PDB file of N, CA and C in Angstrom:
ATOM      1  N   MET A   1       9.365 -14.793  10.377  1.00  0.00           N
ATOM      2  CA  MET A   1       9.267 -13.636   9.509  1.00  0.00           C
ATOM      3  C   MET A   1       8.714 -14.046   8.144  1.00  0.00           C
ATOM      4  N   GLY A   2       8.997 -15.264   7.736  1.00  0.00           N
ATOM      5  CA  GLY A   2       8.500 -15.742   6.451  1.00  0.00           C
ATOM      6  C   GLY A   2       6.986 -15.781   6.395  1.00  0.00           C
ATOM      7  N   GLU A   3       6.371 -16.182   7.503  1.00  0.00           N
ATOM      8  CA  GLU A   3       4.910 -16.226   7.547  1.00  0.00           C
ATOM      9  C   GLU A   3       4.336 -14.815   7.435  1.00  0.00           C
ATOM     10  N   TYR A   4       4.988 -13.851   8.087  1.00  0.00           N
ATOM     11  CA  TYR A   4       4.551 -12.452   8.009  1.00  0.00           C
ATOM     12  C   TYR A   4       4.602 -11.957   6.564  1.00  0.00           C
ATOM     13  N   VAL A   5       5.703 -12.224   5.886  1.00  0.00           N
ATOM     14  CA  VAL A   5       5.851 -11.802   4.487  1.00  0.00           C
ATOM     15  C   VAL A   5       4.759 -12.445   3.628  1.00  0.00           C
ATOM     16  N   ASP A   6       4.517 -13.709   3.831  1.00  0.00           N
ATOM     17  CA  ASP A   6       3.479 -14.399   3.057  1.00  0.00           C
ATOM     18  C   ASP A   6       2.102 -13.777   3.294  1.00  0.00           C
ATOM     19  N   LEU A   7       1.789 -13.513   4.553  1.00  0.00           N
ATOM     20  CA  LEU A   7       0.480 -12.945   4.879  1.00  0.00           C
ATOM     21  C   LEU A   7       0.326 -11.517   4.353  1.00  0.00           C
ATOM     22  N   MET A   8       1.369 -10.712   4.464  1.00  0.00           N
ATOM     23  CA  MET A   8       1.293  -9.337   3.971  1.00  0.00           C
ATOM     24  C   MET A   8       1.201  -9.294   2.442  1.00  0.00           C
ATOM     25  N   ALA A   9       1.911 -10.185   1.785  1.00  0.00           N
ATOM     26  CA  ALA A   9       1.807 -10.261   0.325  1.00  0.00           C
ATOM     27  C   ALA A   9       0.384 -10.606  -0.080  1.00  0.00           C
ATOM     28  N   LEU A  10      -0.211 -11.511   0.638  1.00  0.00           N
ATOM     29  CA  LEU A  10      -1.597 -11.881   0.377  1.00  0.00           C
ATOM     30  C   LEU A  10      -2.532 -10.699   0.640  1.00  0.00           C
ATOM     31  N   LEU A  11      -2.299  -9.988   1.723  1.00  0.00           N
ATOM     32  CA  LEU A  11      -3.141  -8.858   2.105  1.00  0.00           C
ATOM     33  C   LEU A  11      -3.133  -7.751   1.052  1.00  0.00           C
ATOM     34  N   VAL A  12      -1.952  -7.462   0.493  1.00  0.00           N
ATOM     35  CA  VAL A  12      -1.859  -6.383  -0.500  1.00  0.00           C
ATOM     36  C   VAL A  12      -1.959  -6.903  -1.929  1.00  0.00           C
ATOM     37  N   ASP A  13      -2.336  -8.171  -2.067  1.00  0.00           N
ATOM     38  CA  ASP A  13      -2.515  -8.805  -3.378  1.00  0.00           C
ATOM     39  C   ASP A  13      -1.232  -8.736  -4.215  1.00  0.00           C
ATOM     40  N   LEU A  14      -0.118  -9.058  -3.568  1.00  0.00           N
ATOM     41  CA  LEU A  14       1.184  -9.075  -4.233  1.00  0.00           C
ATOM     42  C   LEU A  14       1.558 -10.518  -4.536  1.00  0.00           C
ATOM     43  N   ARG A  15       1.757 -10.801  -5.778  1.00  0.00           N
ATOM     44  CA  ARG A  15       2.172 -12.155  -6.168  1.00  0.00           C
ATOM     45  C   ARG A  15       3.695 -12.229  -6.097  1.00  0.00           C
ATOM     46  N   LEU A  16       4.171 -12.649  -4.948  1.00  0.00           N
ATOM     47  CA  LEU A  16       5.605 -12.707  -4.677  1.00  0.00           C
ATOM     48  C   LEU A  16       6.168 -14.001  -5.250  1.00  0.00           C
ATOM     49  N   ARG A  17       7.046 -13.870  -6.225  1.00  0.00           N
ATOM     50  CA  ARG A  17       7.653 -15.051  -6.835  1.00  0.00           C
ATOM     51  C   ARG A  17       8.550 -15.779  -5.835  1.00  0.00           C
ATOM     52  N   ASP A  18       8.586 -17.091  -5.967  1.00  0.00           N
ATOM     53  CA  ASP A  18       9.388 -17.914  -5.063  1.00  0.00           C
ATOM     54  C   ASP A  18      10.857 -17.511  -5.051  1.00  0.00           C
ATOM     55  N   GLU A  19      11.398 -17.124  -6.207  1.00  0.00           N
ATOM     56  CA  GLU A  19      12.827 -16.787  -6.266  1.00  0.00           C
ATOM     57  C   GLU A  19      13.160 -15.471  -5.551  1.00  0.00           C
ATOM     58  N   TYR A  20      12.145 -14.653  -5.236  1.00  0.00           N
ATOM     59  CA  TYR A  20      12.364 -13.390  -4.529  1.00  0.00           C
ATOM     60  C   TYR A  20      12.013 -13.461  -3.050  1.00  0.00           C
ATOM     61  N   ARG A  21      11.292 -14.470  -2.653  1.00  0.00           N
ATOM     62  CA  ARG A  21      10.777 -14.545  -1.292  1.00  0.00           C
ATOM     63  C   ARG A  21      11.883 -14.503  -0.240  1.00  0.00           C
ATOM     64  N   ASP A  22      12.934 -15.298  -0.410  1.00  0.00           N
ATOM     65  CA  ASP A  22      14.016 -15.327   0.585  1.00  0.00           C
ATOM     66  C   ASP A  22      14.672 -13.961   0.742  1.00  0.00           C
ATOM     67  N   GLY A  23      14.831 -13.238  -0.352  1.00  0.00           N
ATOM     68  CA  GLY A  23      15.402 -11.895  -0.291  1.00  0.00           C
ATOM     69  C   GLY A  23      14.497 -10.916   0.434  1.00  0.00           C
ATOM     70  N   VAL A  24      13.208 -11.033   0.206  1.00  0.00           N
ATOM     71  CA  VAL A  24      12.240 -10.172   0.889  1.00  0.00           C
ATOM     72  C   VAL A  24      12.257 -10.464   2.383  1.00  0.00           C
ATOM     73  N   VAL A  25      12.270 -11.732   2.741  1.00  0.00           N
ATOM     74  CA  VAL A  25      12.327 -12.115   4.162  1.00  0.00           C
ATOM     75  C   VAL A  25      13.610 -11.577   4.795  1.00  0.00           C
ATOM     76  N   ALA A  26      14.737 -11.693   4.112  1.00  0.00           N
ATOM     77  CA  ALA A  26      16.013 -11.194   4.638  1.00  0.00           C
ATOM     78  C   ALA A  26      15.959  -9.684   4.859  1.00  0.00           C
ATOM     79  N   ASN A  27      15.354  -8.959   3.924  1.00  0.00           N
ATOM     80  CA  ASN A  27      15.241  -7.506   4.078  1.00  0.00           C
ATOM     81  C   ASN A  27      14.331  -7.137   5.241  1.00  0.00           C
ATOM     82  N   PHE A  28      13.259  -7.888   5.447  1.00  0.00           N
ATOM     83  CA  PHE A  28      12.391  -7.609   6.589  1.00  0.00           C
ATOM     84  C   PHE A  28      13.107  -7.905   7.904  1.00  0.00           C
ATOM     85  N   GLU A  29      13.989  -8.887   7.925  1.00  0.00           N
ATOM     86  CA  GLU A  29      14.784  -9.147   9.123  1.00  0.00           C
ATOM     87  C   GLU A  29      15.682  -7.947   9.426  1.00  0.00           C
ATOM     88  N   LYS A  30      16.282  -7.361   8.392  1.00  0.00           N
ATOM     89  CA  LYS A  30      17.117  -6.164   8.577  1.00  0.00           C
ATOM     90  C   LYS A  30      16.281  -4.988   9.060  1.00  0.00           C
ATOM     91  N   ILE A  31      15.105  -4.801   8.467  1.00  0.00           N
ATOM     92  CA  ILE A  31      14.209  -3.723   8.875  1.00  0.00           C
ATOM     93  C   ILE A  31      13.821  -3.893  10.340  1.00  0.00           C
ATOM     94  N   LYS A  32      13.543  -5.117  10.733  1.00  0.00           N
ATOM     95  CA  LYS A  32      13.166  -5.409  12.127  1.00  0.00           C
ATOM     96  C   LYS A  32      14.294  -5.027  13.074  1.00  0.00           C
ATOM     97  N   ALA A  33      15.530  -5.374  12.718  1.00  0.00           N
ATOM     98  CA  ALA A  33      16.685  -5.065  13.566  1.00  0.00           C
ATOM     99  C   ALA A  33      16.868  -3.554  13.709  1.00  0.00           C
ATOM    100  N   ILE A  34      16.724  -2.823  12.619  1.00  0.00           N
ATOM    101  CA  ILE A  34      16.854  -1.364  12.660  1.00  0.00           C
ATOM    102  C   ILE A  34      15.731  -0.766  13.495  1.00  0.00           C
ATOM    103  N   ALA A  35      14.511  -1.254  13.313  1.00  0.00           N
ATOM    104  CA  ALA A  35      13.370  -0.731  14.067  1.00  0.00           C
ATOM    105  C   ALA A  35      13.540  -0.973  15.562  1.00  0.00           C
ATOM    106  N   GLN A  36      14.120  -2.096  15.937  1.00  0.00           N
ATOM    107  CA  GLN A  36      14.328  -2.380  17.366  1.00  0.00           C
ATOM    108  C   GLN A  36      15.290  -1.368  17.981  1.00  0.00           C
ATOM    109  N   VAL A  37      16.309  -0.964  17.229  1.00  0.00           N
ATOM    110  CA  VAL A  37      17.251   0.045  17.733  1.00  0.00           C
ATOM    111  C   VAL A  37      16.526   1.375  17.919  1.00  0.00           C
ATOM    112  N   VAL A  38      15.743   1.762  16.927  1.00  0.00           N
ATOM    113  CA  VAL A  38      15.009   3.030  17.007  1.00  0.00           C
ATOM    114  C   VAL A  38      13.989   2.996  18.141  1.00  0.00           C
ATOM    115  N   ASN A  39      13.241   1.913  18.235  1.00  0.00           N
ATOM    116  CA  ASN A  39      12.194   1.821  19.250  1.00  0.00           C
ATOM    117  C   ASN A  39      12.735   1.680  20.664  1.00  0.00           C
ATOM    118  N   SER A  40      13.989   1.267  20.817  1.00  0.00           N
ATOM    119  CA  SER A  40      14.548   1.115  22.157  1.00  0.00           C
ATOM    120  C   SER A  40      14.993   2.458  22.752  1.00  0.00           C
ATOM    121  N   PHE A  41      15.029   3.489  21.927  1.00  0.00           N
ATOM    122  CA  PHE A  41      15.428   4.813  22.400  1.00  0.00           C
ATOM    123  C   PHE A  41      14.230   5.472  23.078  1.00  0.00           C
ATOM    124  N   GLU A  42      14.336   5.690  24.373  1.00  0.00           N
ATOM    125  CA  GLU A  42      13.221   6.264  25.119  1.00  0.00           C
ATOM    126  C   GLU A  42      13.214   7.782  24.999  1.00  0.00           C
ATOM    127  N   LEU A  43      12.022   8.313  24.793  1.00  0.00           N
ATOM    128  CA  LEU A  43      11.837   9.759  24.733  1.00  0.00           C
ATOM    129  C   LEU A  43      11.174  10.235  26.014  1.00  0.00           C
ATOM    130  N   PRO A  44      11.526  11.432  26.451  1.00  0.00           N
ATOM    131  CA  PRO A  44      10.843  11.985  27.630  1.00  0.00           C
ATOM    132  C   PRO A  44       9.353  12.203  27.324  1.00  0.00           C
ATOM    133  N   ASP A  45       8.523  12.164  28.355  1.00  0.00           N
ATOM    134  CA  ASP A  45       7.089  12.318  28.177  1.00  0.00           C
ATOM    135  C   ASP A  45       6.695  13.701  27.660  1.00  0.00           C
ATOM    136  N   ASP A  46       7.538  14.704  27.886  1.00  0.00           N
ATOM    137  CA  ASP A  46       7.168  16.060  27.497  1.00  0.00           C
ATOM    138  C   ASP A  46       7.614  16.434  26.075  1.00  0.00           C
ATOM    139  N   VAL A  47       8.136  15.486  25.321  1.00  0.00           N
ATOM    140  CA  VAL A  47       8.559  15.759  23.942  1.00  0.00           C
ATOM    141  C   VAL A  47       7.330  15.818  23.041  1.00  0.00           C
ATOM    142  N   GLU A  48       7.265  16.869  22.227  1.00  0.00           N
ATOM    143  CA  GLU A  48       6.150  17.019  21.292  1.00  0.00           C
ATOM    144  C   GLU A  48       6.674  16.901  19.864  1.00  0.00           C
ATOM    145  N   ALA A  49       5.870  16.349  19.013  1.00  0.00           N
ATOM    146  CA  ALA A  49       6.247  16.227  17.597  1.00  0.00           C
ATOM    147  C   ALA A  49       6.219  17.609  16.951  1.00  0.00           C
ATOM    148  N   ALA A  50       7.199  17.873  16.111  1.00  0.00           N
ATOM    149  CA  ALA A  50       7.242  19.145  15.394  1.00  0.00           C
ATOM    150  C   ALA A  50       6.195  19.149  14.286  1.00  0.00           C
ATOM    151  N   PRO A  51       5.428  20.237  14.146  1.00  0.00           N
ATOM    152  CA  PRO A  51       4.413  20.282  13.097  1.00  0.00           C
ATOM    153  C   PRO A  51       5.024  20.366  11.695  1.00  0.00           C
ATOM    154  N   ILE A  52       6.252  20.896  11.617  1.00  0.00           N
ATOM    155  CA  ILE A  52       6.953  21.015  10.329  1.00  0.00           C
ATOM    156  C   ILE A  52       8.383  20.565  10.540  1.00  0.00           C
ATOM    157  N   PHE A  53       8.865  19.693   9.630  1.00  0.00           N
ATOM    158  CA  PHE A  53      10.246  19.240   9.713  1.00  0.00           C
ATOM    159  C   PHE A  53      11.144  20.254   9.014  1.00  0.00           C
ATOM    160  N   GLU A  54      12.133  20.763   9.746  1.00  0.00           N
ATOM    161  CA  GLU A  54      13.106  21.678   9.168  1.00  0.00           C
ATOM    162  C   GLU A  54      14.491  21.160   9.525  1.00  0.00           C
ATOM    163  N   PRO A  55      15.211  20.631   8.527  1.00  0.00           N
ATOM    164  CA  PRO A  55      16.551  20.080   8.824  1.00  0.00           C
ATOM    165  C   PRO A  55      17.541  21.144   9.248  1.00  0.00           C
TER     166      PRO A  55
END
């Protein structure tokens, strides 16, 4: 994950200070874990996205 953070920082021209890098990597690890839970939920093929979100 550290290599990903380094490459993305370079891509968006973000000068990530060394003292913040470990925290950024840790947050991306958390984001990855949350995304895996969301992405593991299978949707039926006939589900359509709503054109307008109404809570």
